[in-house]
Amino acid sequence: MHIDIDKDTCIGAGQCALSAPNVFTQDDDGFSALVPGHEDGGGDPMVREAARACPVGAITVSGG
């Protein structure tokens, strides 16, 4: 699976990190980032839910 975070759209709400903390985290500025080693979602079933939870639609998930 491919996960894309639009850094220009992200407002740092943190809903992704709450929904799928094994895949999403927040960087030093508070914006969404992928946990190192889990850039492909790591098989976490909550990745798509995390994308849906983003209040500004900054996360796109495609593929498997």
N, C-alpha and C. Protein backbone atom coordinates (compact mmCIF):
# COMPACT_ATOMS: atom_id res chain seq x y z
N MET A 1 0.85 -1.16 0.00
CA MET A 1 0.00 0.00 0.00
C MET A 1 0.89 1.23 0.00
N HIS A 2 0.42 2.29 -0.63
CA HIS A 2 1.17 3.54 -0.68
C HIS A 2 0.40 4.59 0.12
N ILE A 3 1.10 5.27 1.02
CA ILE A 3 0.50 6.30 1.85
C ILE A 3 1.17 7.62 1.51
N ASP A 4 0.35 8.62 1.19
CA ASP A 4 0.87 9.93 0.87
C ASP A 4 0.28 10.94 1.84
N ILE A 5 1.13 11.77 2.43
CA ILE A 5 0.69 12.84 3.32
C ILE A 5 0.99 14.16 2.65
N ASP A 6 -0.04 14.95 2.39
CA ASP A 6 0.14 16.27 1.78
C ASP A 6 0.54 17.24 2.88
N LYS A 7 1.81 17.52 2.96
CA LYS A 7 2.36 18.37 4.03
C LYS A 7 1.83 19.80 3.95
N ASP A 8 1.42 20.24 2.75
CA ASP A 8 0.88 21.59 2.61
C ASP A 8 -0.55 21.69 3.13
N THR A 9 -1.24 20.55 3.19
CA THR A 9 -2.63 20.52 3.64
C THR A 9 -2.74 20.18 5.13
N CYS A 10 -1.84 19.36 5.63
CA CYS A 10 -1.87 18.90 7.01
C CYS A 10 -1.89 20.07 7.99
N ILE A 11 -2.79 19.99 8.99
CA ILE A 11 -2.88 21.03 10.02
C ILE A 11 -2.40 20.52 11.38
N GLY A 12 -1.97 19.26 11.44
CA GLY A 12 -1.45 18.71 12.69
C GLY A 12 -2.52 18.34 13.70
N ALA A 13 -3.71 17.97 13.23
CA ALA A 13 -4.79 17.61 14.15
C ALA A 13 -4.47 16.34 14.93
N GLY A 14 -3.67 15.44 14.36
CA GLY A 14 -3.24 14.23 15.06
C GLY A 14 -4.22 13.08 15.03
N GLN A 15 -5.31 13.19 14.28
CA GLN A 15 -6.29 12.11 14.22
C GLN A 15 -5.70 10.85 13.61
N CYS A 16 -4.78 11.00 12.68
CA CYS A 16 -4.15 9.83 12.06
C CYS A 16 -3.33 9.06 13.09
N ALA A 17 -2.57 9.79 13.91
CA ALA A 17 -1.73 9.15 14.92
C ALA A 17 -2.58 8.48 16.00
N LEU A 18 -3.74 9.04 16.27
CA LEU A 18 -4.65 8.42 17.24
C LEU A 18 -5.29 7.16 16.66
N SER A 19 -5.61 7.19 15.36
CA SER A 19 -6.28 6.06 14.71
C SER A 19 -5.35 4.90 14.41
N ALA A 20 -4.15 5.19 13.97
CA ALA A 20 -3.18 4.14 13.59
C ALA A 20 -1.79 4.52 14.11
N PRO A 21 -1.58 4.47 15.42
CA PRO A 21 -0.31 4.91 15.99
C PRO A 21 0.91 4.07 15.59
N ASN A 22 0.69 2.88 15.05
CA ASN A 22 1.82 2.07 14.59
C ASN A 22 2.35 2.55 13.25
N VAL A 23 1.56 3.38 12.56
CA VAL A 23 1.93 3.84 11.22
C VAL A 23 2.17 5.35 11.19
N PHE A 24 1.33 6.11 11.89
CA PHE A 24 1.42 7.57 11.85
C PHE A 24 1.94 8.13 13.17
N THR A 25 2.70 9.20 13.06
CA THR A 25 3.18 9.93 14.22
C THR A 25 3.12 11.41 13.85
N GLN A 26 3.61 12.25 14.72
CA GLN A 26 3.70 13.67 14.40
C GLN A 26 5.16 14.09 14.49
N ASP A 27 5.59 14.91 13.53
CA ASP A 27 6.98 15.34 13.50
C ASP A 27 7.23 16.42 14.55
N ASP A 28 8.41 16.97 14.59
CA ASP A 28 8.78 17.96 15.60
C ASP A 28 7.92 19.22 15.54
N ASP A 29 7.32 19.48 14.38
CA ASP A 29 6.45 20.64 14.22
C ASP A 29 4.98 20.30 14.47
N GLY A 30 4.70 19.04 14.78
CA GLY A 30 3.33 18.62 15.08
C GLY A 30 2.53 18.14 13.88
N PHE A 31 3.18 18.04 12.73
CA PHE A 31 2.48 17.60 11.53
C PHE A 31 2.64 16.09 11.33
N SER A 32 1.71 15.52 10.58
CA SER A 32 1.68 14.08 10.34
C SER A 32 2.95 13.59 9.66
N ALA A 33 3.39 12.43 10.10
CA ALA A 33 4.55 11.76 9.51
C ALA A 33 4.34 10.26 9.64
N LEU A 34 5.07 9.51 8.85
CA LEU A 34 4.99 8.05 8.92
C LEU A 34 6.07 7.53 9.87
N VAL A 35 5.72 6.53 10.66
CA VAL A 35 6.67 5.91 11.57
C VAL A 35 7.73 5.20 10.71
N PRO A 36 9.00 5.46 10.96
CA PRO A 36 10.05 4.79 10.19
C PRO A 36 9.87 3.27 10.21
N GLY A 37 9.97 2.68 9.03
CA GLY A 37 9.80 1.24 8.88
C GLY A 37 8.37 0.83 8.60
N HIS A 38 7.44 1.77 8.68
CA HIS A 38 6.03 1.47 8.42
C HIS A 38 5.46 2.34 7.31
N GLU A 39 6.33 2.79 6.41
CA GLU A 39 5.91 3.66 5.33
C GLU A 39 4.90 3.02 4.39
N ASP A 40 4.83 1.68 4.40
CA ASP A 40 3.88 0.97 3.54
C ASP A 40 2.62 0.56 4.31
N GLY A 41 2.47 1.06 5.51
CA GLY A 41 1.30 0.73 6.32
C GLY A 41 1.49 -0.45 7.22
N GLY A 42 2.51 -1.25 6.99
CA GLY A 42 2.81 -2.38 7.84
C GLY A 42 1.66 -3.36 8.05
N GLY A 43 0.72 -3.39 7.11
CA GLY A 43 -0.41 -4.29 7.23
C GLY A 43 -1.44 -3.85 8.26
N ASP A 44 -1.30 -2.65 8.80
CA ASP A 44 -2.23 -2.16 9.81
C ASP A 44 -3.60 -1.89 9.19
N PRO A 45 -4.64 -2.56 9.67
CA PRO A 45 -5.97 -2.38 9.09
C PRO A 45 -6.57 -1.00 9.37
N MET A 46 -5.97 -0.23 10.25
CA MET A 46 -6.50 1.08 10.61
C MET A 46 -5.98 2.22 9.73
N VAL A 47 -5.10 1.93 8.78
CA VAL A 47 -4.51 2.98 7.95
C VAL A 47 -5.59 3.73 7.17
N ARG A 48 -6.50 3.01 6.55
CA ARG A 48 -7.57 3.68 5.79
C ARG A 48 -8.49 4.48 6.70
N GLU A 49 -8.75 3.98 7.88
CA GLU A 49 -9.56 4.72 8.86
C GLU A 49 -8.84 6.00 9.27
N ALA A 50 -7.53 5.92 9.44
CA ALA A 50 -6.75 7.11 9.78
C ALA A 50 -6.86 8.16 8.69
N ALA A 51 -6.82 7.74 7.43
CA ALA A 51 -6.96 8.67 6.32
C ALA A 51 -8.34 9.31 6.34
N ARG A 52 -9.37 8.51 6.61
CA ARG A 52 -10.73 9.05 6.69
C ARG A 52 -10.90 10.01 7.86
N ALA A 53 -10.16 9.77 8.94
CA ALA A 53 -10.28 10.60 10.14
C ALA A 53 -9.62 11.97 9.99
N CYS A 54 -8.77 12.12 8.99
CA CYS A 54 -8.08 13.40 8.79
C CYS A 54 -9.12 14.48 8.46
N PRO A 55 -9.20 15.54 9.28
CA PRO A 55 -10.23 16.56 9.05
C PRO A 55 -10.03 17.40 7.79
N VAL A 56 -8.82 17.39 7.23
CA VAL A 56 -8.57 18.19 6.03
C VAL A 56 -8.23 17.33 4.82
N GLY A 57 -8.33 16.00 4.95
CA GLY A 57 -8.08 15.11 3.82
C GLY A 57 -6.66 15.12 3.32
N ALA A 58 -5.70 15.26 4.22
CA ALA A 58 -4.29 15.36 3.82
C ALA A 58 -3.65 14.00 3.53
N ILE A 59 -4.36 12.89 3.84
CA ILE A 59 -3.77 11.57 3.68
C ILE A 59 -4.48 10.81 2.57
N THR A 60 -3.68 10.27 1.66
CA THR A 60 -4.20 9.44 0.57
C THR A 60 -3.58 8.06 0.69
N VAL A 61 -4.43 7.04 0.63
CA VAL A 61 -3.97 5.65 0.69
C VAL A 61 -4.37 4.98 -0.61
N SER A 62 -3.40 4.35 -1.26
CA SER A 62 -3.71 3.64 -2.50
C SER A 62 -3.05 2.27 -2.49
N GLY A 63 -3.60 1.38 -3.28
CA GLY A 63 -3.06 0.03 -3.36
C GLY A 63 -3.47 -0.84 -2.20
N GLY A 64 -2.93 -2.05 -2.20
CA GLY A 64 -3.22 -3.14 -1.36
C GLY A 64 -3.42 -3.04 0.05
